[in-house]
Amino acid sequence: MKTNFQHLIQLAKQHPPIKTAVVHPVTVEALSGAIEAARHNLIIPLLIGPINKIKQAATALNISLKDYEVIGTEHSHAAAKKAVELSHSGAVNMLMKGSLHTEEFMSAIVDKEQGLRTDRRMSHAFVLEIPTYEKLLLLADAAINITPTLMEKRDIVQNTIDLALAMGIKKPKVAILSAVETVTDKIPSTIDAAALCKMADRKQICGGILDGPLAFDNAISIEAAKIKEIQSTVSGNADILIAPNLEAANMLAKQLEYLAHTKLAGLVLGARIPIVLTSRADHADSRLVSCALGILYKIYLQRKACKKLSS
């Protein structure tokens, strides 16, 4: 049976709901996503933003806010800052982007003194449900790292592998994308791809099987890989696609969404807590599945931390 978003939601429902700061949910789309996740018992939402605007969105949805905690702030920037403060105190264990720009939302999160940084570079991963692909596909990084260095790509790959493992994908197959499948100094991303694969051989990247450089067709089409005589356990069967930069990843994600009827969910990885990051234009279903991903990722990180303490 094809793994799909409903499967992720059912997996997440096996765990208690997570207290989530919903930042600036002042539109119907943003608020409905949070409320829907609460109704599915995935999150306990704490709504943060201008109270009048949140109430207006609730009125448009014909819902009551009496069962939800609301913290008023003057504007969206203050809402993001307040959400980070609450995460430091342990009052919330996940953040969820509402209707504000990604840059504004992330500025409080990546702040060097008050943010949610860890030793690892933060990155974003989309999880894609594509009608023409037999399984869920992860894509990184389409939202945070614009032109990542080799070592930043290492963190992007490791973050995305961790999310795949959290989703129950064993030994995820990682395709490092470029325009061609051979290494050439004329295309720097091919050199990075080769280096990342060697880093995996040396256990600098763990938990997945890497191959690259691979062009997009070789990564997802067995037929294309056979024609080009590429022998690899990854080509034609990828679980994860790592794009060379944000522009390539973002365009690929949106092309799949709008031309191939792909459903998207998104999460920021590598921070102290899971961060649900979707587009302001995304529907409630996307935010719902993203919350499910956040729960699975949080449980995975907790189990990983316990193993380190016991070893």
Foldseek 3Di string as FASTA:
>chain_A
DADDLVNLLVVLLVDAAFEEEEFAQLALQQVLLVVVLVVSRNHQYEYEEAPVSNVVSCVVVVHDCPSHHYDYDDHRLVRLLVRLVCVVVVVGFEYEYHPDDPCSNCCNQVPPPRHFADPADKAKKKWKDFPPARYIAIEDHQRDFFQDDLRNLLRGQQQVLLLCVLSVDFQFEEAEEDQAFDDDPVGVSQVSLVVSQVCVVVVVHDGHHYGDDDHPQQQQQPVVCVVVVNDDPRGNPGRYYYYNGNVVRNVVVVCSVPVRVMAIWMWMTRGNAIYGDDDNPDGSSNSSSNSSSRSSSRVSVVVVVVVVVVD
